[in-house]
Protein backbone atom coordinates (compact mmCIF):
# COMPACT_ATOMS: atom_id res chain seq x y z
CA MET A 1 64.61 121.27 97.17
CA LYS A 2 66.56 120.12 94.10
CA ARG A 3 69.10 122.92 94.56
CA ILE A 4 69.59 121.99 98.20
CA GLN A 5 70.08 118.34 97.34
CA THR A 6 72.59 119.23 94.62
CA PHE A 7 74.48 121.48 96.99
CA THR A 8 74.53 118.80 99.65
CA PHE A 9 75.80 116.21 97.19
CA LEU A 10 78.53 118.48 95.87
CA THR A 11 79.51 119.43 99.38
CA LEU A 12 79.81 115.76 100.31
CA ILE A 13 81.99 115.05 97.27
CA ALA A 14 84.22 118.01 98.09
CA PHE A 15 84.50 116.77 101.66
CA LEU A 16 85.48 113.28 100.57
CA PHE A 17 88.15 114.56 98.21
CA SER A 18 89.39 116.90 100.92
CA CYS A 19 89.68 113.96 103.33
CA GLN A 20 91.50 111.91 100.74
CA ASN A 21 93.99 114.66 100.02
CA GLN A 22 94.45 115.29 103.71
CA ALA A 23 95.19 111.60 104.21
CA GLN A 24 98.02 111.88 101.71
CA VAL A 25 99.71 114.72 103.58
CA ASN A 26 99.10 113.75 107.19
CA THR A 27 101.96 113.92 109.67
CA LYS A 28 103.30 110.47 108.81
CA GLN A 29 103.11 111.13 105.08
CA GLN A 30 104.81 114.50 105.47
CA ALA A 31 107.66 112.78 107.28
CA VAL A 32 108.14 110.54 104.23
CA ILE A 33 108.15 113.54 101.92
CA ASN A 34 110.67 115.41 104.10
CA ALA A 35 113.03 112.45 104.65
CA SER A 36 116.53 112.26 103.25
CA PRO A 37 116.74 109.99 100.19
CA ILE A 38 118.28 106.55 100.40
CA GLU A 39 120.65 105.71 97.57
CA VAL A 40 120.63 102.12 96.35
CA PRO A 41 124.18 100.97 95.47
CA LEU A 42 125.00 99.37 92.14
CA ASP A 43 124.82 95.60 92.08
CA ASN A 44 127.08 93.99 89.48
CA GLY A 45 126.98 97.25 87.54
CA LEU A 46 123.18 97.46 87.57
CA ALA A 47 121.23 100.35 89.08
CA LYS A 48 117.68 100.59 90.43
CA ALA A 49 115.05 103.28 89.93
CA TYR A 50 111.52 103.60 91.31
CA PHE A 51 108.35 104.95 89.72
CA ALA A 52 104.61 105.02 90.46
CA SER A 53 102.16 105.81 87.68
CA GLY A 54 98.80 104.14 88.04
CA CYS A 55 98.38 100.36 87.84
CA PHE A 56 101.77 98.69 88.22
CA TRP A 57 100.84 96.06 85.64
CA CYS A 58 100.91 98.82 83.01
CA VAL A 59 104.11 100.47 84.21
CA GLU A 60 105.92 97.13 84.49
CA ALA A 61 105.16 96.28 80.86
CA ILE A 62 106.34 99.69 79.67
CA TYR A 63 109.72 99.57 81.40
CA GLU A 64 110.23 95.92 80.49
CA SER A 65 110.23 97.00 76.84
CA VAL A 66 113.05 99.55 77.30
CA LYS A 67 116.53 98.53 76.20
CA GLY A 68 119.00 98.47 79.06
CA VAL A 69 116.31 97.39 81.53
CA THR A 70 117.01 93.88 82.78
CA GLU A 71 114.06 93.37 85.16
CA VAL A 72 111.05 95.15 86.62
CA TYR A 73 109.27 94.24 89.86
CA ASN A 74 105.84 95.34 91.03
CA GLY A 75 105.31 96.54 94.58
CA TYR A 76 104.51 99.47 96.82
CA SER A 77 106.35 102.63 97.83
CA GLY A 78 105.87 106.16 99.07
CA GLY A 79 103.91 105.32 102.20
CA TYR A 80 104.41 105.17 105.94
CA THR A 81 103.31 101.66 106.92
CA ASN A 82 105.37 98.49 107.02
CA ASN A 83 104.66 95.41 104.93
CA PRO A 84 101.90 96.89 102.75
CA THR A 85 99.78 94.48 100.76
CA TYR A 86 97.57 94.92 97.72
CA GLU A 87 94.46 94.86 99.87
CA LEU A 88 95.82 97.34 102.43
CA SER A 89 97.21 99.79 99.86
CA ASN A 90 93.84 99.84 98.12
CA THR A 91 92.26 101.32 101.23
CA GLY A 92 94.28 104.50 100.72
CA ARG A 93 95.28 104.43 104.37
CA THR A 94 98.87 103.21 104.03
CA GLY A 95 100.20 106.17 102.06
CA HIS A 96 101.71 103.79 99.53
CA ALA A 97 101.19 103.83 95.79
CA GLU A 98 101.54 100.94 93.38
CA ALA A 99 105.12 101.25 92.19
CA VAL A 100 107.78 99.48 90.17
CA GLU A 101 111.43 98.78 90.80
CA VAL A 102 113.35 99.11 87.54
CA ILE A 103 116.70 97.34 87.37
CA TYR A 104 118.80 98.74 84.55
CA ASP A 105 122.27 99.03 83.07
CA PRO A 106 123.29 102.72 83.32
CA LYS A 107 125.82 102.13 80.53
CA ILE A 108 122.92 101.43 78.17
CA VAL A 109 120.08 103.59 79.45
CA SER A 110 120.40 106.63 81.68
CA PHE A 111 118.22 107.68 84.60
CA LYS A 112 117.32 110.74 82.52
CA SER A 113 115.96 108.50 79.76
CA LEU A 114 113.96 106.51 82.32
CA VAL A 115 112.46 109.81 83.49
CA ASP A 116 111.55 110.61 79.87
CA VAL A 117 109.86 107.21 79.67
CA TYR A 118 108.00 107.93 82.89
CA PHE A 119 106.48 111.22 81.82
CA GLY A 120 106.02 110.10 78.24
CA SER A 121 103.92 107.08 79.13
CA GLN A 122 101.16 108.58 81.27
CA ASN A 123 98.59 111.35 81.49
CA ILE A 124 100.85 113.79 83.30
CA GLU A 125 97.97 116.03 84.33
CA GLN A 126 95.81 113.36 86.00
CA VAL A 127 95.73 113.69 89.78
CA ASN A 128 95.38 110.64 92.02
CA GLY A 129 95.27 108.05 89.28
CA GLN A 130 95.84 107.00 85.69
CA GLY A 131 93.09 106.25 83.22
CA PRO A 132 90.22 104.40 84.90
CA ASP A 133 92.21 103.73 88.08
CA ASN A 134 91.62 106.40 90.69
CA GLY A 135 92.70 106.81 94.29
CA SER A 136 95.83 107.70 96.21
CA GLN A 137 97.18 104.18 95.65
CA TYR A 138 97.28 104.96 91.92
CA ARG A 139 98.78 108.44 92.17
CA SER A 140 101.92 109.30 90.22
CA ILE A 141 105.11 109.54 92.26
CA ILE A 142 108.65 109.73 90.92
CA PHE A 143 111.40 108.89 93.38
CA PHE A 144 114.92 110.32 93.58
CA GLN A 145 117.91 108.81 95.37
CA ASN A 146 120.26 111.78 95.29
CA ASP A 147 120.43 115.47 94.40
CA ALA A 148 121.49 114.76 90.81
CA GLN A 149 118.39 112.64 90.18
CA LYS A 150 116.17 115.20 91.90
CA GLN A 151 117.54 117.93 89.64
CA ILE A 152 116.87 115.82 86.51
CA ILE A 153 113.26 115.29 87.63
CA LEU A 154 112.61 118.92 88.53
CA GLU A 155 114.11 120.20 85.28
CA LYS A 156 111.93 117.77 83.30
CA ILE A 157 108.80 118.89 85.14
CA LYS A 158 109.65 122.55 84.61
CA ALA A 159 110.23 121.97 80.90
CA LEU A 160 106.94 120.10 80.49
CA GLU A 161 104.95 122.73 82.34
CA THR A 162 106.55 125.53 80.36
CA GLN A 163 106.32 123.92 76.92
CA GLU A 164 102.81 122.53 77.28
CA ASN A 165 101.36 125.13 79.64
CA ILE A 166 100.11 122.47 82.03
CA SER A 167 100.46 121.43 85.65
CA VAL A 168 102.30 118.14 86.17
CA ALA A 169 100.47 116.00 88.72
CA ALA A 170 103.34 113.67 89.67
CA GLU A 171 104.66 114.03 93.19
CA VAL A 172 108.43 114.00 93.76
CA TYR A 173 109.53 111.90 96.73
CA PRO A 174 112.88 110.94 98.24
CA PHE A 175 113.23 107.20 97.87
CA GLN A 176 112.95 105.35 101.18
CA LYS A 177 111.92 101.74 100.61
CA PHE A 178 110.34 99.51 98.00
CA TRP A 179 108.09 96.74 99.23
CA LEU A 180 107.93 93.83 96.79
CA GLY A 181 104.41 92.97 95.71
CA GLU A 182 102.69 89.63 95.74
CA ASP A 183 103.94 86.92 93.36
CA TYR A 184 100.73 86.92 91.33
CA HIS A 185 101.29 90.57 90.35
CA GLN A 186 104.71 89.96 88.77
CA ASN A 187 105.07 89.83 84.95
CA TYR A 188 101.33 90.24 84.81
CA GLU A 189 100.94 91.61 81.29
CA ARG A 190 103.23 88.93 79.84
CA LEU A 191 101.58 86.05 81.71
CA HIS A 192 97.98 87.20 81.28
CA PRO A 193 97.74 88.76 77.79
CA ASN A 194 94.04 87.92 77.51
CA HIS A 195 92.98 89.40 80.83
CA PRO A 196 90.24 91.99 80.07
CA TYR A 197 92.10 94.80 81.86
CA ILE A 198 95.36 93.95 80.09
CA ARG A 199 93.68 93.94 76.68
CA ARG A 200 91.64 97.07 77.30
CA ILE A 201 94.07 99.25 79.28
CA SER A 202 97.61 97.89 79.61
CA ILE A 203 98.32 96.88 76.02
CA PRO A 204 96.96 100.11 74.45
CA ARG A 205 99.03 102.13 76.95
CA LEU A 206 102.10 100.07 76.11
CA ARG A 207 101.57 100.41 72.36
CA LYS A 208 101.10 104.16 72.67
CA PHE A 209 104.40 104.43 74.52
CA GLN A 210 106.22 102.20 72.02
CA ASN A 211 105.02 104.29 69.09
CA LYS A 212 106.24 107.43 70.85
CA PHE A 213 109.71 106.15 71.83
CA PRO A 214 110.82 103.58 69.21
CA HIS A 215 114.47 104.51 69.74
CA LEU A 216 114.36 103.34 73.35
CA LEU A 217 112.87 99.92 72.70
CA LYS A 218 114.61 96.57 72.95
CA SER A 219 115.29 94.84 69.68
CA THR A 220 112.67 92.28 68.72
CA HIS A 221 115.20 90.26 66.74
């Protein structure tokens, strides 16, 4: 009886994960993956880049610390529904992941360096999440706006997989649209330094990144 129960439990888990993965690559999601990228024009010399890598509070704080980055916004991207919200994206049924919009000066920091920051500040092997946050809404996605950016991303992934003999979990999507998140999610780490999640997860992740890439950090003076 115990073996049957164990088998049934494992079968159920496998089924749930299968459903979750299937939800990520349904017809609507596949259309997003196959779409042509949309290139965001420069605005007063500033460019925009888009990344998803677990909780956007963490990713926002990381990119905010990079020199050449002028602002970071939290929101949602990579999905197939309009006007996603925090509550809706958490259901896993919108296709969206928590993402950030990074506004930067390409004369100071390159897209290639931002890609290095991206892969250097996460567990690149973790599927459907980062750290304690799991689910399709926390999956890692890196977005490209043109062929040059796509090539930079693919070359970085190939190098990581070859050098470290691993499989990179991040999905590579053509950028389509960034939906700005709710006001209370913006500048979260800076405004809520004593929040238990920030103290336990966000700040250690930020410190780990800063120790790894000191040459990319803004001056504290």
